[in-house]
Amino acid sequence: MYSLCMVKTINLSLPEELLNRIDIEAKSEYASRSDFIRDTIVRRLKNQRVVDEWGDEGVWETVVNFKELAAKGIPASEVSSAINHLLK
């Protein structure tokens, strides 16, 4: 881990929308904005991924993209059938 003994303050310009998202995420982790940004940078530098509450590292594979199948939607029976097919 990086030492906080020699801390330097920097100025960082971010779009307001990104800053709002950072604040929301930091609050959900009970962290300050600085802690959240610092931890995120450290994880990135160490090539670590954030694990979500289900233990998933955020690597998702699209098996069926229902938006490509029908622009107006897919009947629930077809969705259920596709899920059952995947579970077999």
N, C-alpha and C. Protein backbone atom coordinates (compact mmCIF):
# COMPACT_ATOMS: atom_id res chain seq x y z
N MET A 1 0.85 -1.18 0.00
CA MET A 1 0.00 0.00 0.00
C MET A 1 0.89 1.24 0.00
N TYR A 2 0.33 2.31 -0.43
CA TYR A 2 1.08 3.55 -0.49
C TYR A 2 1.02 4.25 0.85
N SER A 3 2.13 4.83 1.23
CA SER A 3 2.22 5.52 2.51
C SER A 3 1.52 6.87 2.43
N LEU A 4 0.81 7.20 3.49
CA LEU A 4 0.16 8.49 3.56
C LEU A 4 0.99 9.49 4.35
N CYS A 5 2.23 9.10 4.70
CA CYS A 5 3.10 10.00 5.46
C CYS A 5 3.48 11.23 4.65
N MET A 6 3.78 11.03 3.39
CA MET A 6 4.17 12.14 2.52
C MET A 6 3.03 12.39 1.54
N VAL A 7 2.03 13.10 1.98
CA VAL A 7 0.86 13.37 1.16
C VAL A 7 1.03 14.72 0.48
N LYS A 8 0.70 14.75 -0.80
CA LYS A 8 0.73 16.01 -1.55
C LYS A 8 -0.68 16.29 -2.05
N THR A 9 -1.05 17.52 -1.99
CA THR A 9 -2.35 17.94 -2.48
C THR A 9 -2.22 18.31 -3.94
N ILE A 10 -3.17 17.85 -4.74
CA ILE A 10 -3.19 18.20 -6.17
C ILE A 10 -4.53 18.82 -6.51
N ASN A 11 -4.58 19.53 -7.60
CA ASN A 11 -5.83 20.04 -8.13
C ASN A 11 -6.23 19.15 -9.30
N LEU A 12 -7.50 18.81 -9.34
CA LEU A 12 -8.00 17.91 -10.37
C LEU A 12 -9.30 18.48 -10.90
N SER A 13 -9.39 18.64 -12.19
CA SER A 13 -10.63 19.14 -12.80
C SER A 13 -11.42 17.96 -13.34
N LEU A 14 -12.68 17.88 -12.93
CA LEU A 14 -13.55 16.79 -13.36
C LEU A 14 -14.89 17.36 -13.82
N PRO A 15 -15.53 16.71 -14.77
CA PRO A 15 -16.88 17.14 -15.14
C PRO A 15 -17.81 16.99 -13.93
N GLU A 16 -18.76 17.89 -13.80
CA GLU A 16 -19.65 17.88 -12.64
C GLU A 16 -20.41 16.56 -12.52
N GLU A 17 -20.82 16.00 -13.64
CA GLU A 17 -21.55 14.72 -13.63
C GLU A 17 -20.69 13.60 -13.04
N LEU A 18 -19.40 13.58 -13.40
CA LEU A 18 -18.50 12.56 -12.85
C LEU A 18 -18.28 12.79 -11.35
N LEU A 19 -18.12 14.03 -10.96
CA LEU A 19 -17.93 14.35 -9.55
C LEU A 19 -19.15 13.93 -8.73
N ASN A 20 -20.34 14.16 -9.26
CA ASN A 20 -21.56 13.74 -8.57
C ASN A 20 -21.58 12.22 -8.39
N ARG A 21 -21.18 11.50 -9.42
CA ARG A 21 -21.15 10.03 -9.32
C ARG A 21 -20.11 9.57 -8.29
N ILE A 22 -18.96 10.21 -8.28
CA ILE A 22 -17.92 9.89 -7.30
C ILE A 22 -18.46 10.12 -5.89
N ASP A 23 -19.14 11.23 -5.68
CA ASP A 23 -19.69 11.54 -4.36
C ASP A 23 -20.72 10.49 -3.93
N ILE A 24 -21.55 10.05 -4.85
CA ILE A 24 -22.56 9.03 -4.53
C ILE A 24 -21.87 7.72 -4.16
N GLU A 25 -20.89 7.31 -4.94
CA GLU A 25 -20.18 6.05 -4.67
C GLU A 25 -19.39 6.14 -3.37
N ALA A 26 -18.75 7.26 -3.14
CA ALA A 26 -17.98 7.43 -1.89
C ALA A 26 -18.91 7.35 -0.69
N LYS A 27 -20.04 8.01 -0.78
CA LYS A 27 -21.00 7.98 0.33
C LYS A 27 -21.49 6.57 0.60
N SER A 28 -21.72 5.79 -0.47
CA SER A 28 -22.20 4.42 -0.30
C SER A 28 -21.16 3.53 0.37
N GLU A 29 -19.89 3.93 0.29
CA GLU A 29 -18.80 3.19 0.93
C GLU A 29 -18.36 3.85 2.24
N TYR A 30 -19.09 4.87 2.67
CA TYR A 30 -18.75 5.62 3.89
C TYR A 30 -17.32 6.15 3.82
N ALA A 31 -16.95 6.64 2.66
CA ALA A 31 -15.59 7.16 2.45
C ALA A 31 -15.69 8.63 2.06
N SER A 32 -14.59 9.33 2.27
CA SER A 32 -14.54 10.71 1.79
C SER A 32 -14.28 10.67 0.28
N ARG A 33 -14.49 11.79 -0.35
CA ARG A 33 -14.21 11.90 -1.78
C ARG A 33 -12.74 11.58 -2.06
N SER A 34 -11.85 12.15 -1.25
CA SER A 34 -10.40 11.91 -1.44
C SER A 34 -10.05 10.45 -1.25
N ASP A 35 -10.60 9.83 -0.19
CA ASP A 35 -10.32 8.41 0.05
C ASP A 35 -10.79 7.56 -1.12
N PHE A 36 -12.00 7.86 -1.61
CA PHE A 36 -12.55 7.08 -2.73
C PHE A 36 -11.67 7.21 -3.97
N ILE A 37 -11.30 8.43 -4.32
CA ILE A 37 -10.47 8.65 -5.51
C ILE A 37 -9.11 8.00 -5.33
N ARG A 38 -8.49 8.17 -4.16
CA ARG A 38 -7.17 7.59 -3.89
C ARG A 38 -7.23 6.06 -3.98
N ASP A 39 -8.23 5.45 -3.33
CA ASP A 39 -8.35 3.99 -3.35
C ASP A 39 -8.59 3.46 -4.76
N THR A 40 -9.39 4.19 -5.52
CA THR A 40 -9.67 3.79 -6.90
C THR A 40 -8.40 3.85 -7.75
N ILE A 41 -7.62 4.88 -7.58
CA ILE A 41 -6.36 5.01 -8.33
C ILE A 41 -5.39 3.90 -7.93
N VAL A 42 -5.28 3.63 -6.64
CA VAL A 42 -4.37 2.57 -6.17
C VAL A 42 -4.78 1.23 -6.75
N ARG A 43 -6.09 0.91 -6.72
CA ARG A 43 -6.57 -0.36 -7.29
C ARG A 43 -6.24 -0.44 -8.77
N ARG A 44 -6.44 0.65 -9.47
CA ARG A 44 -6.16 0.68 -10.91
C ARG A 44 -4.68 0.44 -11.17
N LEU A 45 -3.82 1.09 -10.40
CA LEU A 45 -2.37 0.92 -10.57
C LEU A 45 -1.93 -0.51 -10.25
N LYS A 46 -2.64 -1.17 -9.37
CA LYS A 46 -2.31 -2.55 -9.01
C LYS A 46 -3.07 -3.56 -9.87
N ASN A 47 -3.79 -3.05 -10.87
CA ASN A 47 -4.61 -3.91 -11.74
C ASN A 47 -5.61 -4.75 -10.96
N GLN A 48 -6.16 -4.17 -9.90
CA GLN A 48 -7.17 -4.85 -9.12
C GLN A 48 -8.54 -4.40 -9.58
N ARG A 49 -9.49 -5.32 -9.45
CA ARG A 49 -10.86 -4.99 -9.79
C ARG A 49 -11.68 -4.86 -8.52
N VAL A 50 -12.68 -4.03 -8.60
CA VAL A 50 -13.59 -3.87 -7.47
C VAL A 50 -14.59 -5.01 -7.52
N VAL A 51 -14.77 -5.68 -6.39
CA VAL A 51 -15.72 -6.78 -6.31
C VAL A 51 -17.02 -6.23 -5.74
N ASP A 52 -18.13 -6.50 -6.44
CA ASP A 52 -19.40 -5.98 -5.97
C ASP A 52 -19.99 -6.87 -4.88
N GLU A 53 -21.19 -6.51 -4.42
CA GLU A 53 -21.79 -7.20 -3.29
C GLU A 53 -22.12 -8.66 -3.57
N TRP A 54 -22.11 -9.09 -4.84
CA TRP A 54 -22.38 -10.48 -5.17
C TRP A 54 -21.08 -11.25 -5.41
N GLY A 55 -19.95 -10.60 -5.18
CA GLY A 55 -18.67 -11.27 -5.39
C GLY A 55 -18.23 -11.24 -6.84
N ASP A 56 -18.91 -10.44 -7.65
CA ASP A 56 -18.59 -10.35 -9.07
C ASP A 56 -17.59 -9.24 -9.29
N GLU A 57 -16.62 -9.49 -10.13
CA GLU A 57 -15.59 -8.49 -10.40
C GLU A 57 -15.98 -7.52 -11.51
N GLY A 58 -17.20 -7.59 -11.96
CA GLY A 58 -17.63 -6.66 -12.99
C GLY A 58 -17.37 -7.14 -14.40
N VAL A 59 -16.95 -8.39 -14.57
CA VAL A 59 -16.73 -8.92 -15.90
C VAL A 59 -18.00 -9.66 -16.30
N TRP A 60 -18.74 -9.06 -17.19
CA TRP A 60 -20.01 -9.64 -17.61
C TRP A 60 -19.91 -10.09 -19.05
N GLU A 61 -20.54 -11.18 -19.34
CA GLU A 61 -20.60 -11.70 -20.70
C GLU A 61 -22.03 -11.61 -21.18
N THR A 62 -22.23 -11.01 -22.34
CA THR A 62 -23.57 -10.94 -22.90
C THR A 62 -23.85 -12.25 -23.61
N VAL A 63 -24.82 -12.98 -23.10
CA VAL A 63 -25.17 -14.26 -23.70
C VAL A 63 -26.26 -14.05 -24.73
N VAL A 64 -27.26 -13.27 -24.37
CA VAL A 64 -28.35 -12.95 -25.28
C VAL A 64 -28.64 -11.47 -25.15
N ASN A 65 -28.56 -10.75 -26.25
CA ASN A 65 -28.90 -9.33 -26.24
C ASN A 65 -30.32 -9.20 -26.79
N PHE A 66 -31.28 -9.13 -25.86
CA PHE A 66 -32.67 -9.10 -26.27
C PHE A 66 -33.03 -7.84 -27.04
N LYS A 67 -32.29 -6.76 -26.86
CA LYS A 67 -32.56 -5.53 -27.60
C LYS A 67 -32.33 -5.74 -29.10
N GLU A 68 -31.37 -6.60 -29.43
CA GLU A 68 -31.10 -6.86 -30.85
C GLU A 68 -32.15 -7.78 -31.46
N LEU A 69 -32.82 -8.57 -30.63
CA LEU A 69 -33.80 -9.53 -31.15
C LEU A 69 -35.09 -8.85 -31.57
N ALA A 70 -35.56 -7.92 -30.78
CA ALA A 70 -36.81 -7.24 -31.10
C ALA A 70 -36.83 -5.86 -30.46
N ALA A 71 -36.93 -4.85 -31.28
CA ALA A 71 -36.89 -3.47 -30.79
C ALA A 71 -38.05 -3.15 -29.86
N LYS A 72 -39.21 -3.81 -30.04
CA LYS A 72 -40.38 -3.50 -29.21
C LYS A 72 -40.47 -4.39 -27.97
N GLY A 73 -39.49 -5.22 -27.77
CA GLY A 73 -39.49 -6.05 -26.57
C GLY A 73 -39.63 -7.53 -26.88
N ILE A 74 -39.46 -8.33 -25.87
CA ILE A 74 -39.52 -9.79 -25.98
C ILE A 74 -40.58 -10.28 -25.00
N PRO A 75 -41.45 -11.18 -25.43
CA PRO A 75 -42.43 -11.74 -24.49
C PRO A 75 -41.73 -12.45 -23.33
N ALA A 76 -42.31 -12.37 -22.15
CA ALA A 76 -41.73 -12.99 -20.96
C ALA A 76 -41.49 -14.48 -21.17
N SER A 77 -42.36 -15.13 -21.90
CA SER A 77 -42.20 -16.57 -22.13
C SER A 77 -40.91 -16.87 -22.89
N GLU A 78 -40.53 -15.99 -23.82
CA GLU A 78 -39.29 -16.19 -24.57
C GLU A 78 -38.07 -15.93 -23.69
N VAL A 79 -38.16 -14.93 -22.82
CA VAL A 79 -37.07 -14.64 -21.90
C VAL A 79 -36.88 -15.83 -20.97
N SER A 80 -37.98 -16.34 -20.42
CA SER A 80 -37.93 -17.49 -19.53
C SER A 80 -37.35 -18.70 -20.24
N SER A 81 -37.74 -18.92 -21.46
CA SER A 81 -37.23 -20.04 -22.25
C SER A 81 -35.72 -19.91 -22.48
N ALA A 82 -35.27 -18.70 -22.79
CA ALA A 82 -33.83 -18.48 -23.01
C ALA A 82 -33.04 -18.71 -21.73
N ILE A 83 -33.57 -18.28 -20.61
CA ILE A 83 -32.89 -18.48 -19.32
C ILE A 83 -32.82 -19.97 -19.01
N ASN A 84 -33.94 -20.67 -19.19
CA ASN A 84 -33.96 -22.11 -18.94
C ASN A 84 -32.97 -22.85 -19.82
N HIS A 85 -32.83 -22.40 -21.06
CA HIS A 85 -31.86 -23.01 -21.97
C HIS A 85 -30.43 -22.83 -21.46
N LEU A 86 -30.14 -21.64 -20.91
CA LEU A 86 -28.81 -21.36 -20.39
C LEU A 86 -28.50 -22.19 -19.14
N LEU A 87 -29.53 -22.51 -18.37
CA LEU A 87 -29.33 -23.24 -17.13
C LEU A 87 -29.14 -24.74 -17.36
N LYS A 88 -29.43 -25.21 -18.54
CA LYS A 88 -29.28 -26.65 -18.84
C LYS A 88 -27.86 -27.03 -19.09
